[in-house]
Amino acid sequence: MRTVAKLKKHIAERRGDNLHKLTTRLVKDYDTIVVENLIDRSSPGTARLVWIMTLL
């Protein structure tokens, strides 16, 4: 069980690090960053998909 927990922690840390690197690069490259909330409250299952699409 320890190995699975360590692997999950490692993956979470890598995701956080990659997100930090991406946001840092965006701030350096662009003067203005606009965030738009596209989540439709009537269909909560699409929230993650909309979030992923905004990263592309």
Protein backbone atom coordinates (compact mmCIF):
# COMPACT_ATOMS: atom_id res chain seq x y z
CA MET A 1 0.00 0.00 0.00
CA ARG A 2 2.86 2.39 0.65
CA THR A 3 4.02 2.19 -2.94
CA VAL A 4 0.60 3.22 -4.26
CA ALA A 5 0.43 6.14 -1.83
CA LYS A 6 3.91 7.29 -2.81
CA LEU A 7 3.03 7.04 -6.50
CA LYS A 8 -0.14 9.08 -6.02
CA LYS A 9 1.77 11.71 -4.08
CA HIS A 10 4.46 11.85 -6.77
CA ILE A 11 1.84 12.28 -9.51
CA ALA A 12 0.09 15.04 -7.55
CA GLU A 13 3.39 16.87 -7.02
CA ARG A 14 4.26 16.63 -10.72
CA ARG A 15 0.86 17.97 -11.72
CA GLY A 16 1.25 20.88 -9.34
CA ASP A 17 4.74 21.59 -10.62
CA ASN A 18 3.63 21.49 -14.26
CA LEU A 19 0.69 23.78 -13.51
CA HIS A 20 3.02 26.22 -11.77
CA LYS A 21 5.44 26.19 -14.72
CA LEU A 22 2.61 26.71 -17.21
CA THR A 23 1.07 29.63 -15.33
CA THR A 24 4.48 31.23 -14.83
CA ARG A 25 5.18 30.98 -18.56
CA LEU A 26 1.78 32.47 -19.42
CA VAL A 27 2.37 35.42 -17.11
CA LYS A 28 5.80 36.06 -18.63
CA ASP A 29 4.57 35.78 -22.24
CA TYR A 30 1.34 37.79 -22.08
CA ASP A 31 0.52 41.19 -20.67
CA THR A 32 -3.13 40.45 -19.99
CA ILE A 33 -4.71 37.15 -19.01
CA VAL A 34 -8.49 36.87 -18.97
CA VAL A 35 -10.25 34.04 -17.16
CA GLU A 36 -13.75 33.15 -18.31
CA ASN A 37 -16.10 30.95 -16.33
CA LEU A 38 -17.80 28.61 -18.83
CA ILE A 39 -19.27 26.15 -16.35
CA ASP A 40 -22.95 25.53 -16.92
CA ARG A 41 -24.58 24.88 -13.56
CA SER A 42 -27.29 22.69 -15.12
CA SER A 43 -24.77 20.03 -16.15
CA PRO A 44 -22.15 19.57 -13.39
CA GLY A 45 -20.48 16.66 -15.22
CA THR A 46 -19.03 19.01 -17.82
CA ALA A 47 -17.15 21.20 -15.32
CA ARG A 48 -13.92 19.19 -15.59
CA LEU A 49 -14.14 19.02 -19.37
CA VAL A 50 -14.59 22.79 -19.64
CA TRP A 51 -11.63 23.34 -17.32
CA ILE A 52 -9.42 21.05 -19.42
CA MET A 53 -10.48 22.80 -22.62
CA THR A 54 -9.52 26.19 -21.20
CA LEU A 55 -5.98 24.92 -20.67
CA LEU A 56 -5.52 24.07 -24.35
